């Protein structure tokens, strides 16, 4: 069991399942934010051939990839895996 401090200041004991679900929520939130950052990037981009734009896009893509991998790892740890949906490669 782990202990966390509730936002209202109360210390709460949480079990393994709670910890797993918290990780699922946190990684889903991080993935959604990474996607939103990429979306906001495209809202302001005007020149897709600018090397600085390409470098920033590469960074955003890497962040999305890392966040996606973290999210899928958390889902797998929670037993929430659907291979036919979660796998992007149809041959795997």
PDB file of N, CA and C in Angstrom:
ATOM      1  N   UNK A   1       0.830  -1.180   0.000  1.00  0.00           N
ATOM      2  CA  UNK A   1       0.000   0.000   0.000  1.00  0.00           C
ATOM      3  C   UNK A   1       0.872   1.240   0.000  1.00  0.00           C
ATOM      4  N   UNK A   2       0.365   2.265  -0.657  1.00  0.00           N
ATOM      5  CA  UNK A   2       1.043   3.553  -0.718  1.00  0.00           C
ATOM      6  C   UNK A   2       0.201   4.589   0.000  1.00  0.00           C
ATOM      7  N   UNK A   3       0.841   5.673   0.365  1.00  0.00           N
ATOM      8  CA  UNK A   3       0.129   6.784   0.987  1.00  0.00           C
ATOM      9  C   UNK A   3       0.254   7.998   0.075  1.00  0.00           C
ATOM     10  N   UNK A   4      -0.852   8.670  -0.125  1.00  0.00           N
ATOM     11  CA  UNK A   4      -0.832   9.928  -0.872  1.00  0.00           C
ATOM     12  C   UNK A   4      -1.552  10.978  -0.042  1.00  0.00           C
ATOM     13  N   UNK A   5      -1.278  12.224  -0.328  1.00  0.00           N
ATOM     14  CA  UNK A   5      -1.981  13.312   0.336  1.00  0.00           C
ATOM     15  C   UNK A   5      -3.073  13.802  -0.594  1.00  0.00           C
ATOM     16  N   UNK A   6      -4.281  13.683  -0.129  1.00  0.00           N
ATOM     17  CA  UNK A   6      -5.454  14.148  -0.872  1.00  0.00           C
ATOM     18  C   UNK A   6      -5.344  15.663  -1.041  1.00  0.00           C
ATOM     19  N   UNK A   7      -5.899  16.227  -2.120  1.00  0.00           N
ATOM     20  CA  UNK A   7      -5.827  17.676  -2.319  1.00  0.00           C
ATOM     21  C   UNK A   7      -6.329  18.500  -1.127  1.00  0.00           C
ATOM     22  N   UNK A   8      -7.208  17.931  -0.315  1.00  0.00           N
ATOM     23  CA  UNK A   8      -7.714  18.651   0.855  1.00  0.00           C
ATOM     24  C   UNK A   8      -6.818  18.447   2.069  1.00  0.00           C
ATOM     25  N   UNK A   9      -5.664  17.785   1.898  1.00  0.00           N
ATOM     26  CA  UNK A   9      -4.693  17.638   2.964  1.00  0.00           C
ATOM     27  C   UNK A   9      -4.781  16.340   3.737  1.00  0.00           C
ATOM     28  N   UNK A  10      -5.764  15.531   3.505  1.00  0.00           N
ATOM     29  CA  UNK A  10      -5.929  14.264   4.214  1.00  0.00           C
ATOM     30  C   UNK A  10      -4.999  13.209   3.606  1.00  0.00           C
ATOM     31  N   UNK A  11      -4.282  12.463   4.458  1.00  0.00           N
ATOM     32  CA  UNK A  11      -3.432  11.381   3.975  1.00  0.00           C
ATOM     33  C   UNK A  11      -4.309  10.152   3.771  1.00  0.00           C
ATOM     34  N   UNK A  12      -4.200   9.558   2.588  1.00  0.00           N
ATOM     35  CA  UNK A  12      -5.051   8.438   2.218  1.00  0.00           C
ATOM     36  C   UNK A  12      -4.185   7.248   1.832  1.00  0.00           C
ATOM     37  N   UNK A  13      -4.558   6.065   2.280  1.00  0.00           N
ATOM     38  CA  UNK A  13      -3.883   4.832   1.875  1.00  0.00           C
ATOM     39  C   UNK A  13      -4.495   4.381   0.549  1.00  0.00           C
ATOM     40  N   UNK A  14      -3.650   4.001  -0.387  1.00  0.00           N
ATOM     41  CA  UNK A  14      -4.164   3.485  -1.659  1.00  0.00           C
ATOM     42  C   UNK A  14      -3.543   2.129  -1.933  1.00  0.00           C
ATOM     43  N   UNK A  15      -4.314   1.247  -2.517  1.00  0.00           N
ATOM     44  CA  UNK A  15      -3.836  -0.079  -2.851  1.00  0.00           C
ATOM     45  C   UNK A  15      -3.208  -0.119  -4.228  1.00  0.00           C
ATOM     46  N   UNK A  16      -2.706  -1.286  -4.593  1.00  0.00           N
ATOM     47  CA  UNK A  16      -2.037  -1.458  -5.872  1.00  0.00           C
ATOM     48  C   UNK A  16      -2.964  -1.121  -7.042  1.00  0.00           C
ATOM     49  N   UNK A  17      -4.213  -1.556  -6.955  1.00  0.00           N
ATOM     50  CA  UNK A  17      -5.146  -1.279  -8.052  1.00  0.00           C
ATOM     51  C   UNK A  17      -5.358   0.219  -8.202  1.00  0.00           C
ATOM     52  N   UNK A  18      -5.457   0.920  -7.071  1.00  0.00           N
ATOM     53  CA  UNK A  18      -5.630   2.374  -7.120  1.00  0.00           C
ATOM     54  C   UNK A  18      -4.416   3.038  -7.763  1.00  0.00           C
ATOM     55  N   UNK A  19      -3.222   2.587  -7.386  1.00  0.00           N
ATOM     56  CA  UNK A  19      -1.995   3.129  -7.947  1.00  0.00           C
ATOM     57  C   UNK A  19      -1.948   2.899  -9.454  1.00  0.00           C
ATOM     58  N   UNK A  20      -2.355   1.728  -9.890  1.00  0.00           N
ATOM     59  CA  UNK A  20      -2.370   1.397 -11.316  1.00  0.00           C
ATOM     60  C   UNK A  20      -3.339   2.302 -12.063  1.00  0.00           C
ATOM     61  N   UNK A  21      -4.515   2.505 -11.501  1.00  0.00           N
ATOM     62  CA  UNK A  21      -5.500   3.369 -12.153  1.00  0.00           C
ATOM     63  C   UNK A  21      -5.041   4.824 -12.167  1.00  0.00           C
ATOM     64  N   UNK A  22      -4.389   5.255 -11.112  1.00  0.00           N
ATOM     65  CA  UNK A  22      -3.851   6.611 -11.100  1.00  0.00           C
ATOM     66  C   UNK A  22      -2.830   6.772 -12.218  1.00  0.00           C
ATOM     67  N   UNK A  23      -1.980   5.764 -12.402  1.00  0.00           N
ATOM     68  CA  UNK A  23      -0.978   5.818 -13.474  1.00  0.00           C
ATOM     69  C   UNK A  23      -1.658   5.841 -14.846  1.00  0.00           C
ATOM     70  N   UNK A  24      -2.702   5.066 -15.026  1.00  0.00           N
ATOM     71  CA  UNK A  24      -3.440   5.074 -16.292  1.00  0.00           C
ATOM     72  C   UNK A  24      -3.984   6.478 -16.565  1.00  0.00           C
ATOM     73  N   UNK A  25      -4.586   7.080 -15.552  1.00  0.00           N
ATOM     74  CA  UNK A  25      -5.152   8.429 -15.723  1.00  0.00           C
ATOM     75  C   UNK A  25      -4.067   9.450 -16.040  1.00  0.00           C
ATOM     76  N   UNK A  26      -2.970   9.381 -15.291  1.00  0.00           N
ATOM     77  CA  UNK A  26      -1.888  10.347 -15.498  1.00  0.00           C
ATOM     78  C   UNK A  26      -1.256  10.211 -16.878  1.00  0.00           C
ATOM     79  N   UNK A  27      -1.033   8.975 -17.325  1.00  0.00           N
ATOM     80  CA  UNK A  27      -0.406   8.791 -18.631  1.00  0.00           C
ATOM     81  C   UNK A  27      -1.367   9.142 -19.761  1.00  0.00           C
ATOM     82  N   UNK A  28      -2.659   8.908 -19.565  1.00  0.00           N
ATOM     83  CA  UNK A  28      -3.646   9.316 -20.571  1.00  0.00           C
ATOM     84  C   UNK A  28      -3.689  10.836 -20.675  1.00  0.00           C
ATOM     85  N   UNK A  29      -3.633  11.506 -19.533  1.00  0.00           N
ATOM     86  CA  UNK A  29      -3.615  12.968 -19.521  1.00  0.00           C
ATOM     87  C   UNK A  29      -2.359  13.500 -20.207  1.00  0.00           C
ATOM     88  N   UNK A  30      -1.214  12.892 -19.925  1.00  0.00           N
ATOM     89  CA  UNK A  30       0.048  13.330 -20.542  1.00  0.00           C
ATOM     90  C   UNK A  30       0.019  13.115 -22.049  1.00  0.00           C
ATOM     91  N   UNK A  31      -0.546  12.000 -22.496  1.00  0.00           N
ATOM     92  CA  UNK A  31      -0.636  11.725 -23.928  1.00  0.00           C
ATOM     93  C   UNK A  31      -1.566  12.747 -24.597  1.00  0.00           C
ATOM     94  N   UNK A  32      -2.708  12.994 -23.973  1.00  0.00           N
ATOM     95  CA  UNK A  32      -3.651  13.966 -24.543  1.00  0.00           C
ATOM     96  C   UNK A  32      -3.005  15.345 -24.643  1.00  0.00           C
ATOM     97  N   UNK A  33      -2.230  15.721 -23.639  1.00  0.00           N
ATOM     98  CA  UNK A  33      -1.560  17.026 -23.669  1.00  0.00           C
ATOM     99  C   UNK A  33      -0.504  17.068 -24.774  1.00  0.00           C
ATOM    100  N   UNK A  34       0.219  15.978 -24.975  1.00  0.00           N
ATOM    101  CA  UNK A  34       1.215  15.939 -26.054  1.00  0.00           C
ATOM    102  C   UNK A  34       0.536  16.130 -27.416  1.00  0.00           C
ATOM    103  N   UNK A  35      -0.599  15.502 -27.598  1.00  0.00           N
ATOM    104  CA  UNK A  35      -1.345  15.653 -28.854  1.00  0.00           C
ATOM    105  C   UNK A  35      -1.854  17.086 -28.993  1.00  0.00           C
ATOM    106  N   UNK A  36      -2.346  17.666 -27.907  1.00  0.00           N
ATOM    107  CA  UNK A  36      -2.818  19.059 -27.953  1.00  0.00           C
ATOM    108  C   UNK A  36      -1.682  20.017 -28.300  1.00  0.00           C
ATOM    109  N   UNK A  37      -0.483  19.752 -27.768  1.00  0.00           N
ATOM    110  CA  UNK A  37       0.655  20.608 -28.103  1.00  0.00           C
ATOM    111  C   UNK A  37       0.954  20.557 -29.597  1.00  0.00           C
ATOM    112  N   UNK A  38       0.866  19.372 -30.181  1.00  0.00           N
ATOM    113  CA  UNK A  38       1.089  19.244 -31.620  1.00  0.00           C
ATOM    114  C   UNK A  38      -0.003  19.976 -32.392  1.00  0.00           C
ATOM    115  N   UNK A  39      -1.236  19.864 -31.937  1.00  0.00           N
ATOM    116  CA  UNK A  39      -2.350  20.552 -32.591  1.00  0.00           C
ATOM    117  C   UNK A  39      -2.151  22.070 -32.530  1.00  0.00           C
ATOM    118  N   UNK A  40      -1.743  22.578 -31.371  1.00  0.00           N
ATOM    119  CA  UNK A  40      -1.507  24.022 -31.237  1.00  0.00           C
ATOM    120  C   UNK A  40      -0.342  24.470 -32.129  1.00  0.00           C
ATOM    121  N   UNK A  41       0.645  23.614 -32.270  1.00  0.00           N
ATOM    122  CA  UNK A  41       1.771  23.890 -33.161  1.00  0.00           C
ATOM    123  C   UNK A  41       1.252  24.125 -34.580  1.00  0.00           C
ATOM    124  N   UNK A  42       0.392  23.243 -35.058  1.00  0.00           N
ATOM    125  CA  UNK A  42      -0.132  23.386 -36.416  1.00  0.00           C
ATOM    126  C   UNK A  42      -1.042  24.590 -36.563  1.00  0.00           C
ATOM    127  N   UNK A  43      -1.676  25.015 -35.477  1.00  0.00           N
ATOM    128  CA  UNK A  43      -2.508  26.222 -35.534  1.00  0.00           C
ATOM    129  C   UNK A  43      -1.685  27.466 -35.835  1.00  0.00           C
ATOM    130  N   UNK A  44      -0.416  27.478 -35.443  1.00  0.00           N
ATOM    131  CA  UNK A  44       0.402  28.675 -35.616  1.00  0.00           C
ATOM    132  C   UNK A  44       1.452  28.565 -36.718  1.00  0.00           C
ATOM    133  N   UNK A  45       1.647  27.386 -37.294  1.00  0.00           N
ATOM    134  CA  UNK A  45       2.674  27.196 -38.331  1.00  0.00           C
ATOM    135  C   UNK A  45       2.228  27.843 -39.641  1.00  0.00           C
ATOM    136  N   UNK A  46       3.177  28.549 -40.258  1.00  0.00           N
ATOM    137  CA  UNK A  46       2.884  29.153 -41.556  1.00  0.00           C
ATOM    138  C   UNK A  46       3.828  28.654 -42.639  1.00  0.00           C
ATOM    139  N   UNK A  47       5.036  28.263 -42.253  1.00  0.00           N
ATOM    140  CA  UNK A  47       6.024  27.834 -43.243  1.00  0.00           C
ATOM    141  C   UNK A  47       6.546  26.444 -42.853  1.00  0.00           C
ATOM    142  N   UNK A  48       6.023  25.427 -43.527  1.00  0.00           N
ATOM    143  CA  UNK A  48       6.426  24.057 -43.190  1.00  0.00           C
ATOM    144  C   UNK A  48       7.822  23.696 -43.688  1.00  0.00           C
ATOM    145  N   UNK A  49       8.445  24.575 -44.449  1.00  0.00           N
ATOM    146  CA  UNK A  49       9.799  24.292 -44.941  1.00  0.00           C
ATOM    147  C   UNK A  49      10.885  24.960 -44.097  1.00  0.00           C
ATOM    148  N   UNK A  50      10.493  25.749 -43.114  1.00  0.00           N
ATOM    149  CA  UNK A  50      11.430  26.410 -42.214  1.00  0.00           C
ATOM    150  C   UNK A  50      12.114  25.342 -41.347  1.00  0.00           C
ATOM    151  N   UNK A  51      13.450  25.292 -41.338  1.00  0.00           N
ATOM    152  CA  UNK A  51      14.164  24.279 -40.538  1.00  0.00           C
ATOM    153  C   UNK A  51      13.790  24.315 -39.051  1.00  0.00           C
ATOM    154  N   UNK A  52      13.532  25.487 -38.508  1.00  0.00           N
ATOM    155  CA  UNK A  52      13.138  25.579 -37.101  1.00  0.00           C
ATOM    156  C   UNK A  52      11.777  24.922 -36.861  1.00  0.00           C
ATOM    157  N   UNK A  53      10.881  25.087 -37.823  1.00  0.00           N
ATOM    158  CA  UNK A  53       9.556  24.468 -37.730  1.00  0.00           C
ATOM    159  C   UNK A  53       9.697  22.951 -37.783  1.00  0.00           C
ATOM    160  N   UNK A  54      10.522  22.468 -38.696  1.00  0.00           N
ATOM    161  CA  UNK A  54      10.735  21.019 -38.812  1.00  0.00           C
ATOM    162  C   UNK A  54      11.366  20.452 -37.550  1.00  0.00           C
ATOM    163  N   UNK A  55      12.304  21.172 -36.954  1.00  0.00           N
ATOM    164  CA  UNK A  55      12.950  20.711 -35.723  1.00  0.00           C
ATOM    165  C   UNK A  55      11.941  20.664 -34.573  1.00  0.00           C
ATOM    166  N   UNK A  56      11.116  21.689 -34.480  1.00  0.00           N
ATOM    167  CA  UNK A  56      10.103  21.703 -33.418  1.00  0.00           C
ATOM    168  C   UNK A  56       9.100  20.577 -33.613  1.00  0.00           C
ATOM    169  N   UNK A  57       8.701  20.347 -34.856  1.00  0.00           N
ATOM    170  CA  UNK A  57       7.762  19.261 -35.140  1.00  0.00           C
ATOM    171  C   UNK A  57       8.372  17.911 -34.754  1.00  0.00           C
ATOM    172  N   UNK A  58       9.641  17.706 -35.076  1.00  0.00           N
ATOM    173  CA  UNK A  58      10.308  16.445 -34.718  1.00  0.00           C
ATOM    174  C   UNK A  58      10.293  16.234 -33.202  1.00  0.00           C
ATOM    175  N   UNK A  59      10.514  17.308 -32.452  1.00  0.00           N
ATOM    176  CA  UNK A  59      10.474  17.219 -30.989  1.00  0.00           C
ATOM    177  C   UNK A  59       9.077  16.849 -30.504  1.00  0.00           C
ATOM    178  N   UNK A  60       8.061  17.480 -31.078  1.00  0.00           N
ATOM    179  CA  UNK A  60       6.681  17.193 -30.684  1.00  0.00           C
ATOM    180  C   UNK A  60       6.288  15.753 -31.009  1.00  0.00           C
ATOM    181  N   UNK A  61       6.721  15.269 -32.156  1.00  0.00           N
ATOM    182  CA  UNK A  61       6.417  13.889 -32.543  1.00  0.00           C
ATOM    183  C   UNK A  61       7.062  12.914 -31.556  1.00  0.00           C
ATOM    184  N   UNK A  62       8.284  13.199 -31.149  1.00  0.00           N
ATOM    185  CA  UNK A  62       8.969  12.330 -30.190  1.00  0.00           C
ATOM    186  C   UNK A  62       8.254  12.347 -28.840  1.00  0.00           C
ATOM    187  N   UNK A  63       7.800  13.512 -28.406  1.00  0.00           N
ATOM    188  CA  UNK A  63       7.052  13.596 -27.139  1.00  0.00           C
ATOM    189  C   UNK A  63       5.756  12.796 -27.216  1.00  0.00           C
ATOM    190  N   UNK A  64       5.055  12.917 -28.341  1.00  0.00           N
ATOM    191  CA  UNK A  64       3.824  12.134 -28.520  1.00  0.00           C
ATOM    192  C   UNK A  64       4.116  10.643 -28.463  1.00  0.00           C
ATOM    193  N   UNK A  65       5.185  10.234 -29.146  1.00  0.00           N
ATOM    194  CA  UNK A  65       5.554   8.816 -29.178  1.00  0.00           C
ATOM    195  C   UNK A  65       5.860   8.307 -27.769  1.00  0.00           C
ATOM    196  N   UNK A  66       6.648   9.055 -27.006  1.00  0.00           N
ATOM    197  CA  UNK A  66       7.000   8.646 -25.641  1.00  0.00           C
ATOM    198  C   UNK A  66       5.757   8.602 -24.752  1.00  0.00           C
ATOM    199  N   UNK A  67       4.886   9.595 -24.882  1.00  0.00           N
ATOM    200  CA  UNK A  67       3.670   9.638 -24.078  1.00  0.00           C
ATOM    201  C   UNK A  67       2.740   8.478 -24.442  1.00  0.00           C
ATOM    202  N   UNK A  68       2.664   8.156 -25.716  1.00  0.00           N
ATOM    203  CA  UNK A  68       1.837   7.024 -26.168  1.00  0.00           C
ATOM    204  C   UNK A  68       2.363   5.719 -25.595  1.00  0.00           C
ATOM    205  N   UNK A  69       3.688   5.531 -25.651  1.00  0.00           N
ATOM    206  CA  UNK A  69       4.285   4.311 -25.118  1.00  0.00           C
ATOM    207  C   UNK A  69       4.033   4.191 -23.614  1.00  0.00           C
ATOM    208  N   UNK A  70       4.171   5.296 -22.891  1.00  0.00           N
ATOM    209  CA  UNK A  70       3.901   5.289 -21.446  1.00  0.00           C
ATOM    210  C   UNK A  70       2.442   4.925 -21.174  1.00  0.00           C
ATOM    211  N   UNK A  71       1.540   5.518 -21.959  1.00  0.00           N
ATOM    212  CA  UNK A  71       0.102   5.244 -21.790  1.00  0.00           C
ATOM    213  C   UNK A  71      -0.209   3.779 -22.049  1.00  0.00           C
ATOM    214  N   UNK A  72       0.339   3.226 -23.125  1.00  0.00           N
ATOM    215  CA  UNK A  72       0.086   1.822 -23.435  1.00  0.00           C
ATOM    216  C   UNK A  72       0.695   0.896 -22.387  1.00  0.00           C
ATOM    217  N   UNK A  73       1.866   1.242 -21.851  1.00  0.00           N
ATOM    218  CA  UNK A  73       2.465   0.447 -20.772  1.00  0.00           C
ATOM    219  C   UNK A  73       1.567   0.457 -19.537  1.00  0.00           C
ATOM    220  N   UNK A  74       1.022   1.617 -19.201  1.00  0.00           N
ATOM    221  CA  UNK A  74       0.139   1.724 -18.040  1.00  0.00           C
ATOM    222  C   UNK A  74      -1.144   0.924 -18.255  1.00  0.00           C
ATOM    223  N   UNK A  75      -1.685   0.999 -19.461  1.00  0.00           N
ATOM    224  CA  UNK A  75      -2.893   0.230 -19.767  1.00  0.00           C
ATOM    225  C   UNK A  75      -2.629  -1.266 -19.685  1.00  0.00           C
ATOM    226  N   UNK A  76      -1.488  -1.690 -20.188  1.00  0.00           N
ATOM    227  CA  UNK A  76      -1.129  -3.103 -20.132  1.00  0.00           C
ATOM    228  C   UNK A  76      -0.962  -3.559 -18.680  1.00  0.00           C
ATOM    229  N   UNK A  77      -0.322  -2.737 -17.856  1.00  0.00           N
ATOM    230  CA  UNK A  77      -0.136  -3.070 -16.440  1.00  0.00           C
ATOM    231  C   UNK A  77      -1.476  -3.186 -15.722  1.00  0.00           C
ATOM    232  N   UNK A  78      -2.460  -2.444 -16.191  1.00  0.00           N
ATOM    233  CA  UNK A  78      -3.793  -2.484 -15.597  1.00  0.00           C
ATOM    234  C   UNK A  78      -4.655  -3.595 -16.191  1.00  0.00           C
ATOM    235  N   UNK A  79      -4.109  -4.323 -17.169  1.00  0.00           N
ATOM    236  CA  UNK A  79      -4.864  -5.392 -17.810  1.00  0.00           C
ATOM    237  C   UNK A  79      -5.856  -4.890 -18.834  1.00  0.00           C
ATOM    238  N   UNK A  80      -5.663  -3.670 -19.296  1.00  0.00           N
ATOM    239  CA  UNK A  80      -6.563  -3.056 -20.275  1.00  0.00           C
ATOM    240  C   UNK A  80      -5.889  -2.999 -21.639  1.00  0.00           C
ATOM    241  N   UNK A  81      -5.748  -4.139 -22.242  1.00  0.00           N
ATOM    242  CA  UNK A  81      -5.052  -4.214 -23.523  1.00  0.00           C
ATOM    243  C   UNK A  81      -5.954  -4.888 -24.542  1.00  0.00           C
ATOM    244  N   UNK A  82      -6.067  -4.264 -25.708  1.00  0.00           N
ATOM    245  CA  UNK A  82      -6.836  -4.829 -26.809  1.00  0.00           C
ATOM    246  C   UNK A  82      -5.901  -4.842 -28.013  1.00  0.00           C
ATOM    247  N   UNK A  83      -5.166  -5.958 -28.217  1.00  0.00           N
ATOM    248  CA  UNK A  83      -4.134  -5.994 -29.258  1.00  0.00           C
ATOM    249  C   UNK A  83      -4.617  -5.567 -30.634  1.00  0.00           C
ATOM    250  N   UNK A  84      -5.832  -5.929 -31.017  1.00  0.00           N
ATOM    251  CA  UNK A  84      -6.291  -5.578 -32.362  1.00  0.00           C
ATOM    252  C   UNK A  84      -6.462  -4.077 -32.527  1.00  0.00           C
ATOM    253  N   UNK A  85      -6.638  -3.353 -31.427  1.00  0.00           N
ATOM    254  CA  UNK A  85      -6.799  -1.902 -31.491  1.00  0.00           C
ATOM    255  C   UNK A  85      -5.490  -1.209 -31.155  1.00  0.00           C
ATOM    256  N   UNK A  86      -4.774  -1.698 -30.133  1.00  0.00           N
ATOM    257  CA  UNK A  86      -3.584  -1.029 -29.631  1.00  0.00           C
ATOM    258  C   UNK A  86      -2.376  -1.146 -30.551  1.00  0.00           C
ATOM    259  N   UNK A  87      -2.324  -2.120 -31.380  1.00  0.00           N
ATOM    260  CA  UNK A  87      -1.158  -2.306 -32.252  1.00  0.00           C
ATOM    261  C   UNK A  87      -1.333  -1.520 -33.538  1.00  0.00           C
ATOM    262  N   UNK A  88      -0.370  -0.662 -33.837  1.00  0.00           N
ATOM    263  CA  UNK A  88      -0.457   0.118 -35.062  1.00  0.00           C
ATOM    264  C   UNK A  88       0.032  -0.677 -36.273  1.00  0.00           C
ATOM    265  N   UNK A  89       0.842  -1.700 -36.031  1.00  0.00           N
ATOM    266  CA  UNK A  89       1.361  -2.543 -37.113  1.00  0.00           C
ATOM    267  C   UNK A  89       0.465  -3.763 -37.263  1.00  0.00           C
ATOM    268  N   UNK A  90      -0.272  -3.871 -38.372  1.00  0.00           N
ATOM    269  CA  UNK A  90      -1.206  -4.992 -38.531  1.00  0.00           C
ATOM    270  C   UNK A  90      -0.523  -6.353 -38.598  1.00  0.00           C
ATOM    271  N   UNK A  91       0.784  -6.380 -38.844  1.00  0.00           N
ATOM    272  CA  UNK A  91       1.494  -7.663 -38.942  1.00  0.00           C
ATOM    273  C   UNK A  91       2.051  -8.143 -37.604  1.00  0.00           C
ATOM    274  N   UNK A  92       1.875  -7.360 -36.525  1.00  0.00           N
ATOM    275  CA  UNK A  92       2.444  -7.787 -35.233  1.00  0.00           C
ATOM    276  C   UNK A  92       1.455  -8.511 -34.382  1.00  0.00           C
TER     277      UNK A  92
END
